[in-house]
Protein backbone atom coordinates (compact mmCIF):
# COMPACT_ATOMS: atom_id res chain seq x y z
CA MET A 1 -3.75 16.82 -9.65
CA THR A 2 -6.49 17.64 -7.13
CA PRO A 3 -5.64 18.16 -3.48
CA LEU A 4 -7.35 16.23 -0.77
CA THR A 5 -10.20 18.11 0.76
CA GLY A 6 -12.90 17.71 3.30
CA MET A 7 -12.76 15.37 6.26
CA PRO A 8 -10.60 15.68 9.38
CA PRO A 9 -7.43 13.51 9.51
CA GLN A 10 -8.78 10.68 11.58
CA CYS A 11 -9.73 7.12 10.89
CA GLU A 12 -11.67 5.84 13.84
CA GLY A 13 -14.63 4.59 11.86
CA MET A 14 -14.92 4.25 8.14
CA THR A 15 -13.97 7.68 6.76
CA CYS A 16 -10.55 9.35 6.60
CA GLY A 17 -9.20 12.42 4.94
CA LEU A 18 -6.45 14.95 4.80
CA THR A 19 -5.82 18.32 3.17
CA ALA A 20 -3.19 19.22 0.56
CA ARG A 21 -1.11 21.11 3.17
CA ASP A 22 -0.60 17.77 5.02
CA TYR A 23 1.68 16.45 2.24
CA ASP A 24 5.39 17.07 1.85
CA GLU A 25 5.31 15.95 -1.81
CA PRO A 26 2.57 15.76 -4.39
CA VAL A 27 0.02 12.96 -4.40
CA ASP A 28 -2.28 12.56 -7.37
CA ILE A 29 -5.43 11.90 -5.36
CA ASP A 30 -7.68 11.93 -8.45
CA LEU A 31 -5.66 9.12 -10.03
CA ILE A 32 -5.58 7.05 -6.86
CA THR A 33 -9.30 7.54 -6.40
CA ARG A 34 -9.97 6.43 -10.01
CA ILE A 35 -7.83 3.31 -9.47
CA ALA A 36 -9.62 2.49 -6.20
CA SER A 37 -13.00 2.92 -7.92
CA ALA A 38 -11.93 0.66 -10.79
CA LEU A 39 -10.63 -2.00 -8.39
CA GLY A 40 -13.98 -2.03 -6.62
CA ARG A 41 -16.01 -1.98 -9.82
CA GLU A 42 -14.10 -5.03 -11.13
CA GLY A 43 -14.24 -6.90 -7.82
CA VAL A 44 -10.47 -7.15 -7.43
CA ARG A 45 -9.30 -8.75 -4.22
CA TYR A 46 -6.59 -6.37 -3.02
CA LYS A 47 -5.13 -4.77 0.10
CA VAL A 48 -3.38 -1.40 0.02
CA ILE A 49 -0.06 -1.08 1.83
CA GLY A 50 2.52 1.72 1.85
CA GLY A 51 2.00 5.45 1.71
CA ILE A 52 -1.61 5.35 0.62
CA ALA A 53 -2.44 3.01 3.51
CA LEU A 54 -0.82 5.50 5.90
CA ASN A 55 -2.94 8.26 4.41
CA ALA A 56 -6.08 6.17 4.74
CA HIS A 57 -5.30 5.80 8.42
CA GLY A 58 -4.99 9.56 8.83
CA LEU A 59 -1.19 9.84 8.68
CA ALA A 60 -0.20 12.16 5.84
CA ARG A 61 2.66 11.07 3.68
CA GLY A 62 3.36 11.98 0.07
CA THR A 63 3.85 9.18 -2.38
CA GLN A 64 4.19 8.72 -6.13
CA ASP A 65 2.92 5.13 -6.18
CA LEU A 66 0.21 2.81 -5.07
CA ASP A 67 1.29 -0.41 -3.35
CA LEU A 68 -1.11 -3.27 -3.70
CA PHE A 69 -1.10 -6.83 -2.36
CA VAL A 70 -3.37 -8.90 -4.56
CA ASP A 71 -4.83 -12.35 -4.62
CA PRO A 72 -2.63 -13.94 -7.29
CA SER A 73 -5.35 -16.19 -8.77
CA GLU A 74 -5.88 -16.12 -12.52
CA ASP A 75 -9.39 -14.65 -12.32
CA ASN A 76 -8.37 -11.95 -9.83
CA VAL A 77 -5.37 -10.89 -11.89
CA ALA A 78 -7.67 -10.68 -14.93
CA ARG A 79 -9.95 -8.35 -12.96
CA LEU A 80 -6.89 -6.33 -11.91
CA ARG A 81 -5.81 -5.92 -15.57
CA ARG A 82 -9.30 -4.77 -16.51
CA ALA A 83 -9.41 -2.28 -13.62
CA LEU A 84 -6.01 -0.77 -14.44
CA ARG A 85 -6.74 -0.73 -18.17
CA SER A 86 -9.92 1.29 -17.53
CA VAL A 87 -7.77 3.95 -15.84
CA PHE A 88 -4.64 3.93 -17.96
CA ASP A 89 -5.79 2.57 -21.36
CA ASP A 90 -2.33 1.05 -21.81
CA PRO A 91 -2.09 -2.19 -23.84
CA SER A 92 1.05 -3.21 -21.94
CA LEU A 93 -1.21 -3.95 -18.96
CA ASP A 94 -2.30 -7.09 -20.78
CA GLU A 95 1.19 -8.48 -20.10
CA ILE A 96 0.49 -8.78 -16.34
CA ALA A 97 0.08 -12.47 -15.65
CA ALA A 98 -0.87 -14.46 -12.56
CA SER A 99 2.29 -16.50 -13.11
CA ASP A 100 4.35 -13.35 -12.50
CA LEU A 101 2.91 -13.23 -9.03
CA SER A 102 3.61 -16.83 -8.13
CA GLY A 103 7.36 -17.05 -8.82
CA ASP A 104 10.39 -16.57 -6.63
CA TYR A 105 9.90 -12.77 -6.53
CA PRO A 106 6.16 -12.29 -6.85
CA ALA A 107 6.08 -8.57 -7.60
CA ILE A 108 5.33 -6.42 -10.61
CA GLN A 109 5.82 -2.72 -10.99
CA TYR A 110 3.51 -1.06 -13.52
CA VAL A 111 4.67 2.42 -14.55
CA ALA A 112 2.06 4.61 -16.19
CA PRO A 113 2.86 5.76 -19.75
CA ASP A 114 3.74 9.27 -18.59
CA GLY A 115 6.23 7.82 -16.07
CA ALA A 116 4.87 9.95 -13.25
CA PHE A 117 3.07 7.24 -11.30
CA SER A 118 3.50 3.53 -10.63
CA VAL A 119 1.55 0.67 -9.13
CA ASP A 120 3.55 -1.93 -7.22
CA ILE A 121 1.67 -5.21 -7.29
CA LEU A 122 2.69 -7.96 -4.87
CA ALA A 123 1.35 -11.37 -3.86
CA LYS A 124 3.83 -12.01 -1.05
CA LEU A 125 6.98 -10.61 0.56
CA GLY A 126 9.33 -13.53 1.16
CA GLU A 127 8.01 -15.83 3.85
CA ALA A 128 6.89 -12.92 6.03
CA PHE A 129 3.73 -11.68 4.32
CA SER A 130 1.25 -13.06 1.81
CA PHE A 131 -2.08 -11.78 0.56
CA ASP A 132 -4.23 -14.22 2.54
CA GLU A 133 -2.38 -13.52 5.80
CA LEU A 134 -2.56 -9.75 5.77
CA GLU A 135 -5.07 -8.28 8.21
CA ALA A 136 -7.11 -5.60 6.41
CA MET A 137 -10.09 -3.35 6.90
CA ASP A 138 -12.45 -1.50 4.61
CA VAL A 139 -12.49 2.31 4.80
CA THR A 140 -14.06 5.06 2.79
CA TRP A 141 -11.31 7.35 1.56
CA GLN A 142 -12.09 10.39 -0.57
CA GLY A 143 -15.62 8.99 -0.99
CA VAL A 144 -14.38 5.69 -2.39
CA PRO A 145 -14.31 2.26 -0.68
CA LEU A 146 -10.73 1.12 -0.12
CA THR A 147 -9.36 -2.05 1.47
CA VAL A 148 -6.20 -1.27 3.47
CA VAL A 149 -4.08 -3.26 5.83
CA THR A 150 -4.77 -2.43 9.46
CA PRO A 151 -2.50 -0.01 11.34
CA ARG A 152 -1.07 -2.96 13.30
CA GLN A 153 -0.37 -4.92 10.08
CA LEU A 154 1.26 -1.87 8.48
CA PHE A 155 3.35 -1.32 11.58
CA ASP A 156 4.51 -4.96 11.53
CA MET A 157 5.38 -4.68 7.85
CA LYS A 158 7.42 -1.46 8.27
CA ARG A 159 9.14 -1.67 11.63
CA ASP A 160 11.97 -4.08 10.79
CA THR A 161 12.94 -2.93 7.30
CA VAL A 162 16.14 -1.07 6.49
CA ARG A 163 14.53 1.87 4.70
CA PRO A 164 14.57 5.06 6.86
CA GLN A 165 11.12 6.03 5.48
CA ASP A 166 9.67 2.71 6.69
CA LYS A 167 11.21 3.21 10.14
CA ALA A 168 9.72 6.71 10.29
CA ASP A 169 6.32 5.37 9.15
CA ALA A 170 6.45 2.65 11.84
CA ALA A 171 7.25 5.22 14.53
CA ARG A 172 4.29 7.40 13.43
CA LEU A 173 1.96 4.37 13.38
CA SER A 174 3.19 3.35 16.83
CA ALA A 175 2.62 6.84 18.25
CA ARG A 176 -0.80 7.34 16.62
CA PHE A 177 -2.25 3.90 17.42
CA SER A 178 -0.29 3.05 20.59
CA LEU A 179 1.38 0.07 18.90
CA GLU A 180 4.37 -1.73 20.28
CA GLU A 181 6.49 -4.55 18.99
CA GLY A 182 5.07 -7.89 19.89
């Protein structure tokens, strides 16, 4: 695991970064960076949400997973499988199907073979959020292009959930980006 290094914790333009001391739990930055590179190389249509999106917006939060909203089309899911397979070399990734992302609960959790990291893959969250409707932006994070939901979108996704961590994340987003409910 390599700590984050380099840039100041701000995300006003296209580059964000934090240092290892900013995290309250480990984050495998090398792995996340390899996944982001593979997603870009394969042309996957995705949008990062969750803890990594917070980090990309300059708000440090440890996490042990990567939360992705993806375009659930057959060709995009095939690109997603190739990207993840290039990082994990796990034959079980071939089981991910576009049909899994179009059912009543369109979510898949891939857990890496060592069990230490997971990728949550979603196409929609109920009627509230779907891939095409999520507002996103491109940033450069740890030297790698990354598509993340905007701070406003992330705030809207987190503010009304029941999880205490989401409420805390929403409060931090609100304070940092002067966001209010509305």
